[in-house]
Amino acid sequence: MIVLGIETSTAQVACALGGAEGVMAAFESGPGVPLPGRNRATPRHAELLAPAIEFICQQARVDLKDVGVVAVDLGPGMFTGVRVGVATGKALAQALRIPMVGLGSLDLLAFPVRYADRTVAAVLDARRDEVYFALYRPVPAGVQRVGETRVCSPDELYAELLAHGEDVLAVGDGAVRYRETLRRLDGVEIDVVHPFPSAASLVTLAHARAVREEFVQPWEINPVYLRPAVGERAAS
């Protein structure tokens, strides 16, 4: 079963194809990065995503009709990015008549650091001097979220980690942006290698769910914003 993963919850636009053998092709881009085969700077999410999907299909020598599941990042994240990714995924799934898997952006952010020997704090920049965050503990199969996903100020995140009272690996562009605040805490390490959720992680996790038939129909997929969309749109 081939999975197409679409990840657009941040300034990065990413997509990947994969199956039982792992990730077959992936594309990740941020602002200012040229489109595949073009020289001009990257446009907004809506313009970049379709050619990026076409590009990875060519790289993997996979036709869209061979895709069995479409996986999307549900958010939270940038309002426009989440909306574009979810809408594109739903349109493709409906056209291909295949099911979908939806995963949270912070789950995808925490997964690549699943081998950490401490609590993982996944932190995305929510703009407006706020962050999205959730805590995770490493488990044999990956990471397990501890508590709910929240939106808060960097100072509130600082207080949350202080109350947690354990060593923490903070990952994500929010952790990088507010690293001076977080570094006031003893036992907090900032990961700068994984600033954004990974499309490869999305494909890997979604494939495992698809094999267990833990998928849904396109009309059952909904974005996760955590705060009013109109406010997020104004900030994006």
C-alpha atoms as a PDB file:
ATOM      1  CA  MET A   1       0.000   0.000   0.000  1.00  0.00           C
ATOM      2  CA  ILE A   2       1.416   3.370  -1.077  1.00  0.00           C
ATOM      3  CA  VAL A   3       0.787   6.403   1.130  1.00  0.00           C
ATOM      4  CA  LEU A   4       0.926  10.001  -0.055  1.00  0.00           C
ATOM      5  CA  GLY A   5       1.717  12.327   2.853  1.00  0.00           C
ATOM      6  CA  ILE A   6       0.995  16.077   2.762  1.00  0.00           C
ATOM      7  CA  GLU A   7       2.488  18.347   5.444  1.00  0.00           C
ATOM      8  CA  THR A   8       1.835  22.097   5.170  1.00  0.00           C
ATOM      9  CA  SER A   9       1.129  23.265   8.723  1.00  0.00           C
ATOM     10  CA  THR A  10       4.169  25.572   8.932  1.00  0.00           C
ATOM     11  CA  ALA A  11       6.164  27.852   6.622  1.00  0.00           C
ATOM     12  CA  GLN A  12       7.535  24.641   5.128  1.00  0.00           C
ATOM     13  CA  VAL A  13       5.660  22.796   2.378  1.00  0.00           C
ATOM     14  CA  ALA A  14       6.421  19.070   2.366  1.00  0.00           C
ATOM     15  CA  CYS A  15       5.114  15.863   0.860  1.00  0.00           C
ATOM     16  CA  ALA A  16       6.313  12.277   0.629  1.00  0.00           C
ATOM     17  CA  LEU A  17       5.452   8.891  -0.816  1.00  0.00           C
ATOM     18  CA  GLY A  18       6.090   5.628   0.983  1.00  0.00           C
ATOM     19  CA  GLY A  19       4.981   2.117   1.717  1.00  0.00           C
ATOM     20  CA  ALA A  20       6.066  -1.062   3.441  1.00  0.00           C
ATOM     21  CA  GLU A  21       9.613  -0.538   2.161  1.00  0.00           C
ATOM     22  CA  GLY A  22       9.827   2.933   3.694  1.00  0.00           C
ATOM     23  CA  VAL A  23       9.879   6.412   2.177  1.00  0.00           C
ATOM     24  CA  MET A  24      10.218   6.306  -1.604  1.00  0.00           C
ATOM     25  CA  ALA A  25      10.476  10.040  -2.339  1.00  0.00           C
ATOM     26  CA  ALA A  26      10.112  13.260  -0.391  1.00  0.00           C
ATOM     27  CA  PHE A  27      10.150  17.000  -0.968  1.00  0.00           C
ATOM     28  CA  GLU A  28      10.554  19.738   1.638  1.00  0.00           C
ATOM     29  CA  SER A  29      10.678  23.443   0.993  1.00  0.00           C
ATOM     30  CA  GLY A  30      10.572  26.692   2.898  1.00  0.00           C
ATOM     31  CA  PRO A  31      10.272  30.356   1.863  1.00  0.00           C
ATOM     32  CA  GLY A  32      12.809  31.399  -0.740  1.00  0.00           C
ATOM     33  CA  VAL A  33      13.519  27.867  -2.001  1.00  0.00           C
ATOM     34  CA  PRO A  34      12.954  27.368  -5.775  1.00  0.00           C
ATOM     35  CA  LEU A  35      10.323  25.004  -7.082  1.00  0.00           C
ATOM     36  CA  PRO A  36      11.576  21.738  -8.619  1.00  0.00           C
ATOM     37  CA  GLY A  37      12.729  22.584 -12.137  1.00  0.00           C
ATOM     38  CA  ARG A  38      12.246  26.345 -11.700  1.00  0.00           C
ATOM     39  CA  ASN A  39      14.519  29.235 -10.816  1.00  0.00           C
ATOM     40  CA  ARG A  40      12.132  31.634  -9.089  1.00  0.00           C
ATOM     41  CA  ALA A  41      11.494  31.699  -5.353  1.00  0.00           C
ATOM     42  CA  THR A  42       8.932  29.487  -3.702  1.00  0.00           C
ATOM     43  CA  PRO A  43       5.340  30.810  -3.871  1.00  0.00           C
ATOM     44  CA  ARG A  44       2.687  30.305  -1.214  1.00  0.00           C
ATOM     45  CA  HIS A  45       1.440  26.888  -0.109  1.00  0.00           C
ATOM     46  CA  ALA A  46      -1.414  26.605  -2.616  1.00  0.00           C
ATOM     47  CA  GLU A  47       0.834  27.172  -5.616  1.00  0.00           C
ATOM     48  CA  LEU A  48       3.722  25.014  -4.452  1.00  0.00           C
ATOM     49  CA  LEU A  49       1.936  21.883  -3.259  1.00  0.00           C
ATOM     50  CA  ALA A  50       0.595  20.517  -6.564  1.00  0.00           C
ATOM     51  CA  PRO A  51       3.937  20.661  -8.428  1.00  0.00           C
ATOM     52  CA  ALA A  52       5.691  19.229  -5.357  1.00  0.00           C
ATOM     53  CA  ILE A  53       3.358  16.203  -5.387  1.00  0.00           C
ATOM     54  CA  GLU A  54       3.941  15.800  -9.118  1.00  0.00           C
ATOM     55  CA  PHE A  55       7.691  15.983  -8.512  1.00  0.00           C
ATOM     56  CA  ILE A  56       7.790  13.186  -5.912  1.00  0.00           C
ATOM     57  CA  CYS A  57       5.568  10.992  -8.084  1.00  0.00           C
ATOM     58  CA  GLN A  58       8.083  11.379 -10.885  1.00  0.00           C
ATOM     59  CA  GLN A  59      10.993  10.683  -8.544  1.00  0.00           C
ATOM     60  CA  ALA A  60       9.356   7.524  -7.172  1.00  0.00           C
ATOM     61  CA  ARG A  61       7.946   6.505 -10.576  1.00  0.00           C
ATOM     62  CA  VAL A  62       4.517   6.236  -9.015  1.00  0.00           C
ATOM     63  CA  ASP A  63       1.244   7.213 -10.646  1.00  0.00           C
ATOM     64  CA  LEU A  64      -1.317   8.882  -8.411  1.00  0.00           C
ATOM     65  CA  LYS A  65      -3.792   6.137  -9.239  1.00  0.00           C
ATOM     66  CA  ASP A  66      -1.455   3.699  -7.451  1.00  0.00           C
ATOM     67  CA  VAL A  67      -1.753   5.588  -4.144  1.00  0.00           C
ATOM     68  CA  GLY A  68      -3.879   3.717  -1.597  1.00  0.00           C
ATOM     69  CA  VAL A  69      -4.114   6.259   1.236  1.00  0.00           C
ATOM     70  CA  VAL A  70      -3.718  10.028   1.520  1.00  0.00           C
ATOM     71  CA  ALA A  71      -2.291  11.231   4.840  1.00  0.00           C
ATOM     72  CA  VAL A  72      -2.449  14.853   5.986  1.00  0.00           C
ATOM     73  CA  ASP A  73      -1.121  16.956   8.845  1.00  0.00           C
ATOM     74  CA  LEU A  74      -4.246  18.220  10.631  1.00  0.00           C
ATOM     75  CA  GLY A  75      -2.469  20.976  12.560  1.00  0.00           C
ATOM     76  CA  PRO A  76      -2.255  22.983  14.646  1.00  0.00           C
ATOM     77  CA  GLY A  77      -0.182  25.415  12.657  1.00  0.00           C
ATOM     78  CA  MET A  78      -0.538  28.271  10.181  1.00  0.00           C
ATOM     79  CA  PHE A  79      -4.201  28.647   9.282  1.00  0.00           C
ATOM     80  CA  THR A  80      -3.593  28.970   5.543  1.00  0.00           C
ATOM     81  CA  GLY A  81      -1.094  26.128   5.411  1.00  0.00           C
ATOM     82  CA  VAL A  82      -3.275  23.682   7.354  1.00  0.00           C
ATOM     83  CA  ARG A  83      -6.312  24.593   5.265  1.00  0.00           C
ATOM     84  CA  VAL A  84      -4.461  24.127   1.958  1.00  0.00           C
ATOM     85  CA  GLY A  85      -2.965  20.768   2.957  1.00  0.00           C
ATOM     86  CA  VAL A  86      -6.199  19.306   4.302  1.00  0.00           C
ATOM     87  CA  ALA A  87      -8.280  20.584   1.359  1.00  0.00           C
ATOM     88  CA  THR A  88      -5.784  19.248  -1.194  1.00  0.00           C
ATOM     89  CA  GLY A  89      -5.604  15.873   0.549  1.00  0.00           C
ATOM     90  CA  LYS A  90      -9.381  15.569   0.702  1.00  0.00           C
ATOM     91  CA  ALA A  91      -9.766  16.511  -2.965  1.00  0.00           C
ATOM     92  CA  LEU A  92      -7.190  13.913  -4.026  1.00  0.00           C
ATOM     93  CA  ALA A  93      -8.704  11.195  -1.835  1.00  0.00           C
ATOM     94  CA  GLN A  94     -12.183  11.881  -3.152  1.00  0.00           C
ATOM     95  CA  ALA A  95     -10.979  11.887  -6.763  1.00  0.00           C
ATOM     96  CA  LEU A  96      -9.073   8.620  -6.250  1.00  0.00           C
ATOM     97  CA  ARG A  97     -11.829   7.135  -4.050  1.00  0.00           C
ATOM     98  CA  ILE A  98      -9.406   6.157  -1.318  1.00  0.00           C
ATOM     99  CA  PRO A  99      -9.399   6.664   2.479  1.00  0.00           C
ATOM    100  CA  MET A 100      -7.344   9.085   4.556  1.00  0.00           C
ATOM    101  CA  VAL A 101      -5.280   9.251   7.724  1.00  0.00           C
ATOM    102  CA  GLY A 102      -4.956  12.460   9.732  1.00  0.00           C
ATOM    103  CA  LEU A 103      -2.169  13.124  12.245  1.00  0.00           C
ATOM    104  CA  GLY A 104      -1.293  16.084  14.435  1.00  0.00           C
ATOM    105  CA  SER A 105       1.615  18.385  13.618  1.00  0.00           C
ATOM    106  CA  LEU A 106       3.154  18.081  17.097  1.00  0.00           C
ATOM    107  CA  ASP A 107       2.992  14.271  16.938  1.00  0.00           C
ATOM    108  CA  LEU A 108       4.942  14.461  13.673  1.00  0.00           C
ATOM    109  CA  LEU A 109       7.409  16.902  15.188  1.00  0.00           C
ATOM    110  CA  ALA A 110       8.135  14.627  18.158  1.00  0.00           C
ATOM    111  CA  PHE A 111       8.451  11.356  16.217  1.00  0.00           C
ATOM    112  CA  PRO A 112      11.983  11.870  14.748  1.00  0.00           C
ATOM    113  CA  VAL A 113      13.411  12.337  18.267  1.00  0.00           C
ATOM    114  CA  ARG A 114      11.693   9.216  19.655  1.00  0.00           C
ATOM    115  CA  TYR A 115      15.027   7.796  20.789  1.00  0.00           C
ATOM    116  CA  ALA A 116      15.571  10.633  23.278  1.00  0.00           C
ATOM    117  CA  ASP A 117      16.267   9.547  26.851  1.00  0.00           C
ATOM    118  CA  ARG A 118      14.061  12.295  28.308  1.00  0.00           C
ATOM    119  CA  THR A 119      10.693  13.988  27.932  1.00  0.00           C
ATOM    120  CA  VAL A 120      10.163  15.616  24.528  1.00  0.00           C
ATOM    121  CA  ALA A 121       8.495  19.029  24.262  1.00  0.00           C
ATOM    122  CA  ALA A 122       7.231  19.607  20.715  1.00  0.00           C
ATOM    123  CA  VAL A 123       6.918  23.371  20.228  1.00  0.00           C
ATOM    124  CA  LEU A 124       5.712  25.153  17.084  1.00  0.00           C
ATOM    125  CA  ASP A 125       5.722  28.908  16.601  1.00  0.00           C
ATOM    126  CA  ALA A 126       2.065  30.011  16.629  1.00  0.00           C
ATOM    127  CA  ARG A 127       2.922  33.668  15.918  1.00  0.00           C
ATOM    128  CA  ARG A 128       1.313  36.486  17.928  1.00  0.00           C
ATOM    129  CA  ASP A 129       3.924  35.718  20.644  1.00  0.00           C
ATOM    130  CA  GLU A 130       2.429  32.283  21.268  1.00  0.00           C
ATOM    131  CA  VAL A 131       3.407  28.655  20.715  1.00  0.00           C
ATOM    132  CA  TYR A 132       1.635  25.359  20.170  1.00  0.00           C
ATOM    133  CA  PHE A 133       3.102  22.661  22.378  1.00  0.00           C
ATOM    134  CA  ALA A 134       2.643  19.181  23.774  1.00  0.00           C
ATOM    135  CA  LEU A 135       4.767  16.890  25.927  1.00  0.00           C
ATOM    136  CA  TYR A 136       5.740  13.362  24.903  1.00  0.00           C
ATOM    137  CA  ARG A 137       7.517  10.441  26.508  1.00  0.00           C
ATOM    138  CA  PRO A 138       9.544   7.977  24.420  1.00  0.00           C
ATOM    139  CA  VAL A 139       8.058   4.471  24.224  1.00  0.00           C
ATOM    140  CA  PRO A 140       9.342   1.374  22.380  1.00  0.00           C
ATOM    141  CA  ALA A 141       7.259   2.057  19.258  1.00  0.00           C
ATOM    142  CA  GLY A 142       7.810   5.823  19.118  1.00  0.00           C
ATOM    143  CA  VAL A 143       6.475   8.588  21.367  1.00  0.00           C
ATOM    144  CA  GLN A 144       3.330   8.908  23.454  1.00  0.00           C
ATOM    145  CA  ARG A 145       1.700  12.259  24.095  1.00  0.00           C
ATOM    146  CA  VAL A 146       1.304  13.263  27.753  1.00  0.00           C
ATOM    147  CA  GLY A 147      -1.677  15.579  28.195  1.00  0.00           C
ATOM    148  CA  GLU A 148      -3.364  17.812  25.655  1.00  0.00           C
ATOM    149  CA  THR A 149      -2.019  19.948  22.826  1.00  0.00           C
ATOM    150  CA  ARG A 150      -2.121  23.594  23.914  1.00  0.00           C
ATOM    151  CA  VAL A 151      -1.548  27.137  22.696  1.00  0.00           C
ATOM    152  CA  CYS A 152       0.140  29.483  25.160  1.00  0.00           C
ATOM    153  CA  SER A 153       2.770  32.182  25.612  1.00  0.00           C
ATOM    154  CA  PRO A 154       6.491  31.311  25.865  1.00  0.00           C
ATOM    155  CA  ASP A 155       6.385  32.309  29.544  1.00  0.00           C
ATOM    156  CA  GLU A 156       3.507  29.890  30.158  1.00  0.00           C
ATOM    157  CA  LEU A 157       5.492  27.169  28.404  1.00  0.00           C
ATOM    158  CA  TYR A 158       8.455  28.008  30.654  1.00  0.00           C
ATOM    159  CA  ALA A 159       6.218  27.623  33.719  1.00  0.00           C
ATOM    160  CA  GLU A 160       4.834  24.320  32.406  1.00  0.00           C
ATOM    161  CA  LEU A 161       8.313  22.857  31.908  1.00  0.00           C
ATOM    162  CA  LEU A 162       9.438  24.177  35.286  1.00  0.00           C
ATOM    163  CA  ALA A 163       6.493  22.409  36.935  1.00  0.00           C
ATOM    164  CA  HIS A 164       7.271  19.254  34.954  1.00  0.00           C
ATOM    165  CA  GLY A 165      10.543  19.040  36.844  1.00  0.00           C
ATOM    166  CA  GLU A 166      12.355  16.624  34.503  1.00  0.00           C
ATOM    167  CA  ASP A 167      14.995  16.905  31.780  1.00  0.00           C
ATOM    168  CA  VAL A 168      13.426  17.953  28.483  1.00  0.00           C
ATOM    169  CA  LEU A 169      14.419  17.900  24.820  1.00  0.00           C
ATOM    170  CA  ALA A 170      12.583  20.807  23.147  1.00  0.00           C
ATOM    171  CA  VAL A 171      12.077  20.431  19.402  1.00  0.00           C
ATOM    172  CA  GLY A 172      10.482  22.653  16.770  1.00  0.00           C
ATOM    173  CA  ASP A 173      10.753  26.165  15.378  1.00  0.00           C
ATOM    174  CA  GLY A 174       8.955  27.514  18.456  1.00  0.00           C
ATOM    175  CA  ALA A 175      11.642  26.073  20.703  1.00  0.00           C
ATOM    176  CA  VAL A 176      14.327  27.608  18.482  1.00  0.00           C
ATOM    177  CA  ARG A 177      12.638  31.024  18.379  1.00  0.00           C
ATOM    178  CA  TYR A 178      12.176  31.199  22.147  1.00  0.00           C
ATOM    179  CA  ARG A 179      15.340  29.320  23.090  1.00  0.00           C
ATOM    180  CA  GLU A 180      16.600  32.118  25.335  1.00  0.00           C
ATOM    181  CA  THR A 181      13.474  31.784  27.479  1.00  0.00           C
ATOM    182  CA  LEU A 182      13.664  27.990  27.613  1.00  0.00           C
ATOM    183  CA  ARG A 183      17.397  27.910  28.339  1.00  0.00           C
ATOM    184  CA  ARG A 184      16.771  29.641  31.649  1.00  0.00           C
ATOM    185  CA  LEU A 185      15.621  26.217  32.804  1.00  0.00           C
ATOM    186  CA  ASP A 186      18.160  23.655  33.935  1.00  0.00           C
ATOM    187  CA  GLY A 187      17.907  20.367  32.074  1.00  0.00           C
ATOM    188  CA  VAL A 188      16.382  21.755  28.850  1.00  0.00           C
ATOM    189  CA  GLU A 189      18.151  20.974  25.567  1.00  0.00           C
ATOM    190  CA  ILE A 190      17.084  22.661  22.308  1.00  0.00           C
ATOM    191  CA  ASP A 191      17.033  20.494  19.166  1.00  0.00           C
ATOM    192  CA  VAL A 192      17.790  22.655  16.105  1.00  0.00           C
ATOM    193  CA  VAL A 193      17.872  19.780  13.586  1.00  0.00           C
ATOM    194  CA  HIS A 194      14.096  19.214  13.359  1.00  0.00           C
ATOM    195  CA  PRO A 195      12.382  22.632  13.213  1.00  0.00           C
ATOM    196  CA  PHE A 196       9.294  21.467  11.289  1.00  0.00           C
ATOM    197  CA  PRO A 197       7.000  18.417  11.177  1.00  0.00           C
ATOM    198  CA  SER A 198       8.300  15.778   8.784  1.00  0.00           C
ATOM    199  CA  ALA A 199       6.432  14.451   5.748  1.00  0.00           C
ATOM    200  CA  ALA A 200       8.545  11.289   6.039  1.00  0.00           C
ATOM    201  CA  SER A 201       7.289  10.796   9.599  1.00  0.00           C
ATOM    202  CA  LEU A 202       3.743  11.377   8.367  1.00  0.00           C
ATOM    203  CA  VAL A 203       4.080   8.628   5.763  1.00  0.00           C
ATOM    204  CA  THR A 204       5.709   6.210   8.216  1.00  0.00           C
ATOM    205  CA  LEU A 205       3.052   6.675  10.908  1.00  0.00           C
ATOM    206  CA  ALA A 206       0.162   6.764   8.450  1.00  0.00           C
ATOM    207  CA  HIS A 207       1.285   3.558   6.740  1.00  0.00           C
ATOM    208  CA  ALA A 208       1.285   1.736  10.089  1.00  0.00           C
ATOM    209  CA  ARG A 209      -2.270   2.952  10.729  1.00  0.00           C
ATOM    210  CA  ALA A 210      -3.404   2.069   7.233  1.00  0.00           C
ATOM    211  CA  VAL A 211      -2.118  -1.493   7.593  1.00  0.00           C
ATOM    212  CA  ARG A 212      -4.290  -1.746  10.724  1.00  0.00           C
ATOM    213  CA  GLU A 213      -7.168  -0.220   8.704  1.00  0.00           C
ATOM    214  CA  GLU A 214      -7.267   2.777  11.044  1.00  0.00           C
ATOM    215  CA  PHE A 215      -8.280   5.214   8.327  1.00  0.00           C
ATOM    216  CA  VAL A 216     -11.313   7.380   7.668  1.00  0.00           C
ATOM    217  CA  GLN A 217     -13.203   8.777   4.702  1.00  0.00           C
ATOM    218  CA  PRO A 218     -12.322  12.251   3.381  1.00  0.00           C
ATOM    219  CA  TRP A 219     -15.452  13.908   4.789  1.00  0.00           C
ATOM    220  CA  GLU A 220     -14.411  12.800   8.285  1.00  0.00           C
ATOM    221  CA  ILE A 221     -11.133  14.751   8.162  1.00  0.00           C
ATOM    222  CA  ASN A 222     -11.114  18.169   9.842  1.00  0.00           C
ATOM    223  CA  PRO A 223      -8.289  20.628  10.603  1.00  0.00           C
ATOM    224  CA  VAL A 224      -7.176  21.368  14.163  1.00  0.00           C
ATOM    225  CA  TYR A 225      -6.602  25.089  14.766  1.00  0.00           C
ATOM    226  CA  LEU A 226      -6.731  25.481  18.606  1.00  0.00           C
ATOM    227  CA  ARG A 227      -7.820  29.097  18.262  1.00  0.00           C
ATOM    228  CA  PRO A 228     -10.272  31.046  16.052  1.00  0.00           C
ATOM    229  CA  ALA A 229      -9.353  30.688  12.405  1.00  0.00           C
ATOM    230  CA  VAL A 230     -10.058  34.349  11.620  1.00  0.00           C
ATOM    231  CA  GLY A 231      -7.411  35.469  14.133  1.00  0.00           C
ATOM    232  CA  GLU A 232      -4.889  33.022  12.752  1.00  0.00           C
ATOM    233  CA  ARG A 233      -5.612  34.141   9.222  1.00  0.00           C
ATOM    234  CA  ALA A 234      -4.879  37.734  10.144  1.00  0.00           C
ATOM    235  CA  ALA A 235      -1.562  36.706  11.708  1.00  0.00           C
ATOM    236  CA  SER A 236      -0.455  34.457   8.831  1.00  0.00           C
END
